[in-house]
Amino acid sequence: MSDPYDPYGAPPMPQPPPYPAAYSAPFPAPDPEPPTADALSVPEPLVSTEPVPALAGGLTAPPETRLSIDGGSLRMERVVEEIIAWLKTLASAAVYATLIVTFGFQVARVEGHSMAPTLADQDRLIVNKLAYRIGEPHIGDIVMLYYPLVPEKSFVKRVIASEGDQVRIVDGKVYRNDVLMDDSFVPPDYRSHDDWGPQVIPEGYYFVMGDHRNNSSDSRHWGFVPKKYIIGKVQLRWWPLPHARMF
């Protein structure tokens, strides 16, 4: 049964038309946010992703160019480190060489023929400077010494007698304390025929001669040599190599 019509009442409210089926479906649910990955689970990039340096004109160097630049810088650093290491080594060697030359050994070159045939002109020698810092020259030693009259010069001679010894030379034959010395190392053509002495060597001095007796300036001409003028013992002839030998 329908409601009675009231001509004086409010008109009935119109009903909205039904929504189409397409609009009646529920709104789709929003996509869920992607899960946040754990920092430790993200693989570490093999190449650093730092900003690539810009080249001239605003261009950017490709990764392979940047890697080659970095490799060149590393090589340059290594070269510099090696150069520094070599310089340190050379400096150390120079210091050691200075100490050795000053206190230990010295390289010398023979100039002249006064020690022939034992030593020849331009022979290279190694002189042991420590030998007479801790000991005394011995008879027969070949020594390097300062020339007593001009100490700026140096000679190489053989020790013939030491302090307290009496030396006498008769017709080129050398007598030490009236005993004829063995001079078989002097060939006949190198012998002298002079006379000298006799004289006693004073304390702290030595009598020296060259093996080339008739072509040597030595103690027969300019006197005795103080020990402080004896630089060291000739230990080795190292040049020429075929004639290298120890003394």
C-alpha atoms as a PDB file:
ATOM      1  CA  MET A   1       0.000   0.000   0.000  1.00  0.00           C
ATOM      2  CA  SER A   2       1.378   3.389  -0.995  1.00  0.00           C
ATOM      3  CA  ASP A   3       1.708   6.426   1.257  1.00  0.00           C
ATOM      4  CA  PRO A   4      -1.123   8.943   0.920  1.00  0.00           C
ATOM      5  CA  TYR A   5      -0.305  12.036  -1.091  1.00  0.00           C
ATOM      6  CA  ASP A   6      -0.131  15.228   0.952  1.00  0.00           C
ATOM      7  CA  PRO A   7      -0.516  18.250  -1.287  1.00  0.00           C
ATOM      8  CA  TYR A   8       0.872  20.550   1.436  1.00  0.00           C
ATOM      9  CA  GLY A   9       3.819  18.441   2.521  1.00  0.00           C
ATOM     10  CA  ALA A  10       7.475  18.681   1.356  1.00  0.00           C
ATOM     11  CA  PRO A  11       8.150  17.045  -1.918  1.00  0.00           C
ATOM     12  CA  PRO A  12       9.995  13.741  -1.661  1.00  0.00           C
ATOM     13  CA  MET A  13      13.791  13.764  -2.068  1.00  0.00           C
ATOM     14  CA  PRO A  14      14.930  12.362  -5.399  1.00  0.00           C
ATOM     15  CA  GLN A  15      16.984   9.159  -5.167  1.00  0.00           C
ATOM     16  CA  PRO A  16      20.396   9.195  -6.946  1.00  0.00           C
ATOM     17  CA  PRO A  17      20.698   6.857  -9.840  1.00  0.00           C
ATOM     18  CA  PRO A  18      22.646   3.686  -9.183  1.00  0.00           C
ATOM     19  CA  TYR A  19      26.426   3.763  -9.958  1.00  0.00           C
ATOM     20  CA  PRO A  20      27.626   1.752 -12.850  1.00  0.00           C
ATOM     21  CA  ALA A  21      29.453  -1.450 -12.066  1.00  0.00           C
ATOM     22  CA  ALA A  22      32.763   0.080 -13.237  1.00  0.00           C
ATOM     23  CA  TYR A  23      32.581   2.701 -10.490  1.00  0.00           C
ATOM     24  CA  SER A  24      31.408   0.415  -7.785  1.00  0.00           C
ATOM     25  CA  ALA A  25      34.650  -1.632  -7.660  1.00  0.00           C
ATOM     26  CA  PRO A  26      36.929  -0.791  -4.744  1.00  0.00           C
ATOM     27  CA  PHE A  27      40.072   1.345  -5.395  1.00  0.00           C
ATOM     28  CA  PRO A  28      43.195  -0.752  -5.902  1.00  0.00           C
ATOM     29  CA  ALA A  29      45.541  -0.938  -2.947  1.00  0.00           C
ATOM     30  CA  PRO A  30      48.724   1.119  -3.329  1.00  0.00           C
ATOM     31  CA  ASP A  31      51.877  -0.769  -4.225  1.00  0.00           C
ATOM     32  CA  PRO A  32      53.862  -1.668  -1.161  1.00  0.00           C
ATOM     33  CA  GLU A  33      57.155   0.239  -0.658  1.00  0.00           C
ATOM     34  CA  PRO A  34      60.189  -1.720  -1.780  1.00  0.00           C
ATOM     35  CA  PRO A  35      61.974  -3.306   1.144  1.00  0.00           C
ATOM     36  CA  THR A  36      65.068  -1.537   2.369  1.00  0.00           C
ATOM     37  CA  ALA A  37      68.114  -3.693   1.719  1.00  0.00           C
ATOM     38  CA  ASP A  38      70.586  -4.267   4.458  1.00  0.00           C
ATOM     39  CA  ALA A  39      73.781  -2.247   3.770  1.00  0.00           C
ATOM     40  CA  LEU A  40      75.907  -5.356   4.250  1.00  0.00           C
ATOM     41  CA  SER A  41      73.932  -7.285   1.642  1.00  0.00           C
ATOM     42  CA  VAL A  42      74.590  -4.762  -1.138  1.00  0.00           C
ATOM     43  CA  PRO A  43      77.540  -5.921  -3.276  1.00  0.00           C
ATOM     44  CA  GLU A  44      80.433  -3.482  -3.109  1.00  0.00           C
ATOM     45  CA  PRO A  45      81.210  -1.912  -6.505  1.00  0.00           C
ATOM     46  CA  LEU A  46      84.477  -3.017  -8.078  1.00  0.00           C
ATOM     47  CA  VAL A  47      85.259   0.498  -9.293  1.00  0.00           C
ATOM     48  CA  SER A  48      84.862   3.560  -7.125  1.00  0.00           C
ATOM     49  CA  THR A  49      81.877   5.695  -8.109  1.00  0.00           C
ATOM     50  CA  GLU A  50      83.465   8.966  -7.061  1.00  0.00           C
ATOM     51  CA  PRO A  51      82.829  11.891  -9.376  1.00  0.00           C
ATOM     52  CA  VAL A  52      84.791  11.698 -12.615  1.00  0.00           C
ATOM     53  CA  PRO A  53      87.092  14.695 -13.083  1.00  0.00           C
ATOM     54  CA  ALA A  54      86.007  17.043 -15.837  1.00  0.00           C
ATOM     55  CA  LEU A  55      88.221  17.465 -18.860  1.00  0.00           C
ATOM     56  CA  ALA A  56      88.825  20.581 -20.901  1.00  0.00           C
ATOM     57  CA  GLY A  57      85.705  21.937 -22.565  1.00  0.00           C
ATOM     58  CA  GLY A  58      83.386  20.617 -19.885  1.00  0.00           C
ATOM     59  CA  LEU A  59      83.689  16.998 -21.069  1.00  0.00           C
ATOM     60  CA  THR A  60      83.954  14.159 -18.613  1.00  0.00           C
ATOM     61  CA  ALA A  61      86.666  11.510 -18.787  1.00  0.00           C
ATOM     62  CA  PRO A  62      85.336   8.014 -19.354  1.00  0.00           C
ATOM     63  CA  PRO A  63      86.065   5.516 -16.567  1.00  0.00           C
ATOM     64  CA  GLU A  64      88.837   3.712 -18.482  1.00  0.00           C
ATOM     65  CA  THR A  65      90.681   7.028 -19.031  1.00  0.00           C
ATOM     66  CA  ARG A  66      90.403   7.869 -15.352  1.00  0.00           C
ATOM     67  CA  LEU A  67      91.767   4.452 -14.430  1.00  0.00           C
ATOM     68  CA  SER A  68      94.749   4.923 -16.753  1.00  0.00           C
ATOM     69  CA  ILE A  69      95.429   8.330 -15.204  1.00  0.00           C
ATOM     70  CA  ASP A  70      95.334   6.815 -11.712  1.00  0.00           C
ATOM     71  CA  GLY A  71      97.700   4.021 -12.815  1.00  0.00           C
ATOM     72  CA  GLY A  72     100.157   6.549 -14.236  1.00  0.00           C
ATOM     73  CA  SER A  73     100.149   8.464 -10.937  1.00  0.00           C
ATOM     74  CA  LEU A  74     100.927   5.281  -9.007  1.00  0.00           C
ATOM     75  CA  ARG A  75     103.815   4.455 -11.334  1.00  0.00           C
ATOM     76  CA  MET A  76     105.202   7.969 -10.957  1.00  0.00           C
ATOM     77  CA  GLU A  77     105.042   7.690  -7.169  1.00  0.00           C
ATOM     78  CA  ARG A  78     106.940   4.400  -7.313  1.00  0.00           C
ATOM     79  CA  VAL A  79     109.604   5.917  -9.567  1.00  0.00           C
ATOM     80  CA  VAL A  80     110.049   8.824  -7.157  1.00  0.00           C
ATOM     81  CA  GLU A  81     110.325   6.431  -4.213  1.00  0.00           C
ATOM     82  CA  GLU A  82     112.963   4.371  -6.032  1.00  0.00           C
ATOM     83  CA  ILE A  83     114.958   7.493  -6.892  1.00  0.00           C
ATOM     84  CA  ILE A  84     114.879   8.607  -3.268  1.00  0.00           C
ATOM     85  CA  ALA A  85     116.004   5.139  -2.142  1.00  0.00           C
ATOM     86  CA  TRP A  86     118.910   5.222  -4.628  1.00  0.00           C
ATOM     87  CA  LEU A  87     119.942   8.676  -3.455  1.00  0.00           C
ATOM     88  CA  LYS A  88     119.987   7.478   0.149  1.00  0.00           C
ATOM     89  CA  THR A  89     122.097   4.493  -0.865  1.00  0.00           C
ATOM     90  CA  LEU A  90     124.570   6.675  -2.755  1.00  0.00           C
ATOM     91  CA  ALA A  91     124.812   9.098   0.161  1.00  0.00           C
ATOM     92  CA  SER A  92     125.526   6.223   2.549  1.00  0.00           C
ATOM     93  CA  ALA A  93     128.122   4.805   0.168  1.00  0.00           C
ATOM     94  CA  ALA A  94     129.815   8.202  -0.066  1.00  0.00           C
ATOM     95  CA  VAL A  95     129.985   8.456   3.725  1.00  0.00           C
ATOM     96  CA  TYR A  96     131.389   4.930   4.044  1.00  0.00           C
ATOM     97  CA  ALA A  97     133.906   5.587   1.257  1.00  0.00           C
ATOM     98  CA  THR A  98     135.044   8.772   2.983  1.00  0.00           C
ATOM     99  CA  LEU A  99     135.528   6.930   6.267  1.00  0.00           C
ATOM    100  CA  ILE A 100     137.389   4.095   4.547  1.00  0.00           C
ATOM    101  CA  VAL A 101     139.682   6.447   2.622  1.00  0.00           C
ATOM    102  CA  THR A 102     140.307   8.613   5.687  1.00  0.00           C
ATOM    103  CA  PHE A 103     140.930   5.883   8.235  1.00  0.00           C
ATOM    104  CA  GLY A 104     141.179   2.546   6.427  1.00  0.00           C
ATOM    105  CA  PHE A 105     142.388   2.157   2.874  1.00  0.00           C
ATOM    106  CA  GLN A 106     143.486   4.391   0.037  1.00  0.00           C
ATOM    107  CA  VAL A 107     143.829   3.897  -3.688  1.00  0.00           C
ATOM    108  CA  ALA A 108     147.166   5.089  -5.098  1.00  0.00           C
ATOM    109  CA  ARG A 109     148.863   5.200  -8.488  1.00  0.00           C
ATOM    110  CA  VAL A 110     152.559   4.685  -9.106  1.00  0.00           C
ATOM    111  CA  GLU A 111     154.248   7.458 -11.048  1.00  0.00           C
ATOM    112  CA  GLY A 112     157.811   6.729 -12.079  1.00  0.00           C
ATOM    113  CA  HIS A 113     160.173   3.768 -12.043  1.00  0.00           C
ATOM    114  CA  SER A 114     161.946   4.005  -8.678  1.00  0.00           C
ATOM    115  CA  MET A 115     160.290   0.766  -7.461  1.00  0.00           C
ATOM    116  CA  ALA A 116     160.870  -1.223 -10.658  1.00  0.00           C
ATOM    117  CA  PRO A 117     160.735  -4.084 -11.300  1.00  0.00           C
ATOM    118  CA  THR A 118     158.499  -4.742  -8.255  1.00  0.00           C
ATOM    119  CA  LEU A 119     156.124  -1.927  -9.206  1.00  0.00           C
ATOM    120  CA  ALA A 120     155.781  -0.356 -12.633  1.00  0.00           C
ATOM    121  CA  ASP A 121     154.742   3.105 -13.717  1.00  0.00           C
ATOM    122  CA  GLN A 122     150.932   3.589 -13.568  1.00  0.00           C
ATOM    123  CA  ASP A 123     150.335   0.527 -11.394  1.00  0.00           C
ATOM    124  CA  ARG A 124     147.254   0.929  -9.163  1.00  0.00           C
ATOM    125  CA  LEU A 125     147.664   0.077  -5.496  1.00  0.00           C
ATOM    126  CA  ILE A 126     145.579  -0.393  -2.383  1.00  0.00           C
ATOM    127  CA  VAL A 127     147.303   1.129   0.659  1.00  0.00           C
ATOM    128  CA  ASN A 128     146.383  -0.163   4.113  1.00  0.00           C
ATOM    129  CA  LYS A 129     146.354   2.891   6.375  1.00  0.00           C
ATOM    130  CA  LEU A 130     145.268   0.934   9.444  1.00  0.00           C
ATOM    131  CA  ALA A 131     148.349  -1.276   9.447  1.00  0.00           C
ATOM    132  CA  TYR A 132     150.589   1.284  11.120  1.00  0.00           C
ATOM    133  CA  ARG A 133     147.924   2.812  13.327  1.00  0.00           C
ATOM    134  CA  ILE A 134     147.846  -0.423  15.299  1.00  0.00           C
ATOM    135  CA  GLY A 135     151.347  -1.698  14.514  1.00  0.00           C
ATOM    136  CA  GLU A 136     154.822  -0.773  13.337  1.00  0.00           C
ATOM    137  CA  PRO A 137     156.444  -0.897   9.879  1.00  0.00           C
ATOM    138  CA  HIS A 138     158.537  -4.003   9.358  1.00  0.00           C
ATOM    139  CA  ILE A 139     161.768  -4.446   7.470  1.00  0.00           C
ATOM    140  CA  GLY A 140     160.938  -5.214   3.848  1.00  0.00           C
ATOM    141  CA  ASP A 141     157.501  -3.588   3.882  1.00  0.00           C
ATOM    142  CA  ILE A 142     156.595  -1.547   0.810  1.00  0.00           C
ATOM    143  CA  VAL A 143     155.122   1.687   2.141  1.00  0.00           C
ATOM    144  CA  MET A 144     153.531   4.868   0.919  1.00  0.00           C
ATOM    145  CA  LEU A 145     155.012   7.952   2.587  1.00  0.00           C
ATOM    146  CA  TYR A 146     155.117  11.713   2.449  1.00  0.00           C
ATOM    147  CA  TYR A 147     158.273  13.113   0.920  1.00  0.00           C
ATOM    148  CA  PRO A 148     160.070  14.631   3.954  1.00  0.00           C
ATOM    149  CA  LEU A 149     161.367  17.668   2.005  1.00  0.00           C
ATOM    150  CA  VAL A 150     158.001  18.425   0.346  1.00  0.00           C
ATOM    151  CA  PRO A 151     155.234  16.734   2.383  1.00  0.00           C
ATOM    152  CA  GLU A 152     152.638  17.603  -0.279  1.00  0.00           C
ATOM    153  CA  LYS A 153     154.202  14.856  -2.420  1.00  0.00           C
ATOM    154  CA  SER A 154     154.040  11.126  -1.685  1.00  0.00           C
ATOM    155  CA  PHE A 155     156.441   8.316  -2.561  1.00  0.00           C
ATOM    156  CA  VAL A 156     156.396   4.524  -2.548  1.00  0.00           C
ATOM    157  CA  LYS A 157     159.539   2.915  -1.081  1.00  0.00           C
ATOM    158  CA  ARG A 158     160.756  -0.170   0.776  1.00  0.00           C
ATOM    159  CA  VAL A 159     161.658  -0.112   4.480  1.00  0.00           C
ATOM    160  CA  ILE A 160     165.330  -1.072   4.883  1.00  0.00           C
ATOM    161  CA  ALA A 161     165.987  -0.280   8.566  1.00  0.00           C
ATOM    162  CA  SER A 162     164.186   1.045  11.637  1.00  0.00           C
ATOM    163  CA  GLU A 163     165.158   3.041  14.714  1.00  0.00           C
ATOM    164  CA  GLY A 164     168.350   1.859  16.418  1.00  0.00           C
ATOM    165  CA  ASP A 165     169.629  -0.006  13.355  1.00  0.00           C
ATOM    166  CA  GLN A 166     172.988   0.802  11.811  1.00  0.00           C
ATOM    167  CA  VAL A 167     172.979   1.052   8.017  1.00  0.00           C
ATOM    168  CA  ARG A 168     176.029   0.857   5.778  1.00  0.00           C
ATOM    169  CA  ILE A 169     176.199   0.596   1.986  1.00  0.00           C
ATOM    170  CA  VAL A 170     179.334  -0.653   0.270  1.00  0.00           C
ATOM    171  CA  ASP A 171     179.443  -0.805  -3.536  1.00  0.00           C
ATOM    172  CA  GLY A 172     175.662  -0.912  -3.613  1.00  0.00           C
ATOM    173  CA  LYS A 173     175.396  -3.764  -1.096  1.00  0.00           C
ATOM    174  CA  VAL A 174     173.319  -2.877   1.971  1.00  0.00           C
ATOM    175  CA  TYR A 175     174.428  -3.950   5.454  1.00  0.00           C
ATOM    176  CA  ARG A 176     172.054  -3.700   8.398  1.00  0.00           C
ATOM    177  CA  ASN A 177     173.824  -4.038  11.736  1.00  0.00           C
ATOM    178  CA  ASP A 178     176.800  -5.381   9.775  1.00  0.00           C
ATOM    179  CA  VAL A 179     174.703  -8.152   8.218  1.00  0.00           C
ATOM    180  CA  LEU A 180     174.362  -8.213   4.424  1.00  0.00           C
ATOM    181  CA  MET A 181     170.700  -7.882   3.505  1.00  0.00           C
ATOM    182  CA  ASP A 182     168.990 -10.173   1.039  1.00  0.00           C
ATOM    183  CA  ASP A 183     168.280  -8.077  -2.034  1.00  0.00           C
ATOM    184  CA  SER A 184     167.601 -10.865  -4.501  1.00  0.00           C
ATOM    185  CA  PHE A 185     164.501  -8.951  -5.663  1.00  0.00           C
ATOM    186  CA  VAL A 186     166.863  -6.394  -7.259  1.00  0.00           C
ATOM    187  CA  PRO A 187     168.041  -7.526 -10.739  1.00  0.00           C
ATOM    188  CA  PRO A 188     171.683  -6.850 -11.637  1.00  0.00           C
ATOM    189  CA  ASP A 189     170.754  -4.082 -14.081  1.00  0.00           C
ATOM    190  CA  TYR A 190     168.944  -2.243 -11.277  1.00  0.00           C
ATOM    191  CA  ARG A 191     171.762  -2.305  -8.727  1.00  0.00           C
ATOM    192  CA  SER A 192     173.829   0.696  -7.735  1.00  0.00           C
ATOM    193  CA  HIS A 193     177.505   0.883  -6.822  1.00  0.00           C
ATOM    194  CA  ASP A 194     177.486   3.730  -4.339  1.00  0.00           C
ATOM    195  CA  ASP A 195     178.741   3.882  -0.759  1.00  0.00           C
ATOM    196  CA  TRP A 196     176.853   5.334   2.196  1.00  0.00           C
ATOM    197  CA  GLY A 197     177.204   5.421   5.978  1.00  0.00           C
ATOM    198  CA  PRO A 198     177.485   3.896   8.363  1.00  0.00           C
ATOM    199  CA  GLN A 199     174.737   5.688  10.292  1.00  0.00           C
ATOM    200  CA  VAL A 200     172.419   4.733  13.143  1.00  0.00           C
ATOM    201  CA  ILE A 201     168.719   5.395  12.582  1.00  0.00           C
ATOM    202  CA  PRO A 202     167.377   7.760  15.252  1.00  0.00           C
ATOM    203  CA  GLU A 203     164.335   6.927  17.361  1.00  0.00           C
ATOM    204  CA  GLY A 204     161.020   7.295  15.550  1.00  0.00           C
ATOM    205  CA  TYR A 205     162.605   7.235  12.082  1.00  0.00           C
ATOM    206  CA  TYR A 206     163.053   4.749   9.226  1.00  0.00           C
ATOM    207  CA  PHE A 207     165.508   4.246   6.374  1.00  0.00           C
ATOM    208  CA  VAL A 208     163.834   3.577   3.008  1.00  0.00           C
ATOM    209  CA  MET A 209     165.051   2.815  -0.506  1.00  0.00           C
ATOM    210  CA  GLY A 210     163.592   2.165  -3.938  1.00  0.00           C
ATOM    211  CA  ASP A 211     164.048  -1.247  -5.543  1.00  0.00           C
ATOM    212  CA  HIS A 212     165.497   0.424  -8.642  1.00  0.00           C
ATOM    213  CA  ARG A 213     168.637   1.265  -6.735  1.00  0.00           C
ATOM    214  CA  ASN A 214     170.377   3.213  -9.512  1.00  0.00           C
ATOM    215  CA  ASN A 215     167.267   5.270 -10.322  1.00  0.00           C
ATOM    216  CA  SER A 216     165.680   6.096  -6.973  1.00  0.00           C
ATOM    217  CA  SER A 217     165.556   9.187  -4.774  1.00  0.00           C
ATOM    218  CA  ASP A 218     165.408   7.857  -1.212  1.00  0.00           C
ATOM    219  CA  SER A 219     166.968   8.009   2.271  1.00  0.00           C
ATOM    220  CA  ARG A 220     170.457   7.954   0.751  1.00  0.00           C
ATOM    221  CA  HIS A 221     169.734  11.428  -0.640  1.00  0.00           C
ATOM    222  CA  TRP A 222     167.243  13.158   1.676  1.00  0.00           C
ATOM    223  CA  GLY A 223     167.657  11.325   4.981  1.00  0.00           C
ATOM    224  CA  PHE A 224     165.415   9.362   7.319  1.00  0.00           C
ATOM    225  CA  VAL A 225     161.601   9.279   7.349  1.00  0.00           C
ATOM    226  CA  PRO A 226     159.660  10.001  10.552  1.00  0.00           C
ATOM    227  CA  LYS A 227     156.991   7.441  11.326  1.00  0.00           C
ATOM    228  CA  LYS A 228     154.269  10.104  11.184  1.00  0.00           C
ATOM    229  CA  TYR A 229     155.104  10.558   7.481  1.00  0.00           C
ATOM    230  CA  ILE A 230     154.433   6.910   6.650  1.00  0.00           C
ATOM    231  CA  ILE A 231     150.880   6.804   5.298  1.00  0.00           C
ATOM    232  CA  GLY A 232     150.391   3.051   5.163  1.00  0.00           C
ATOM    233  CA  LYS A 233     151.457  -0.307   3.845  1.00  0.00           C
ATOM    234  CA  VAL A 234     151.063  -1.179   0.173  1.00  0.00           C
ATOM    235  CA  GLN A 235     148.774  -4.178   0.480  1.00  0.00           C
ATOM    236  CA  LEU A 236     147.700  -4.948  -3.064  1.00  0.00           C
ATOM    237  CA  ARG A 237     148.447  -4.152  -6.686  1.00  0.00           C
ATOM    238  CA  TRP A 238     145.062  -4.486  -8.378  1.00  0.00           C
ATOM    239  CA  TRP A 239     145.910  -3.042 -11.793  1.00  0.00           C
ATOM    240  CA  PRO A 240     146.859  -4.222 -14.329  1.00  0.00           C
ATOM    241  CA  LEU A 241     144.762  -7.281 -13.563  1.00  0.00           C
ATOM    242  CA  PRO A 242     147.175  -9.836 -15.092  1.00  0.00           C
ATOM    243  CA  HIS A 243     149.854  -8.623 -12.631  1.00  0.00           C
ATOM    244  CA  ALA A 244     147.628  -8.258  -9.561  1.00  0.00           C
ATOM    245  CA  ARG A 245     149.284  -9.490  -6.365  1.00  0.00           C
ATOM    246  CA  MET A 246     149.395  -9.075  -2.611  1.00  0.00           C
ATOM    247  CA  PHE A 247     152.421  -7.703  -0.758  1.00  0.00           C
END
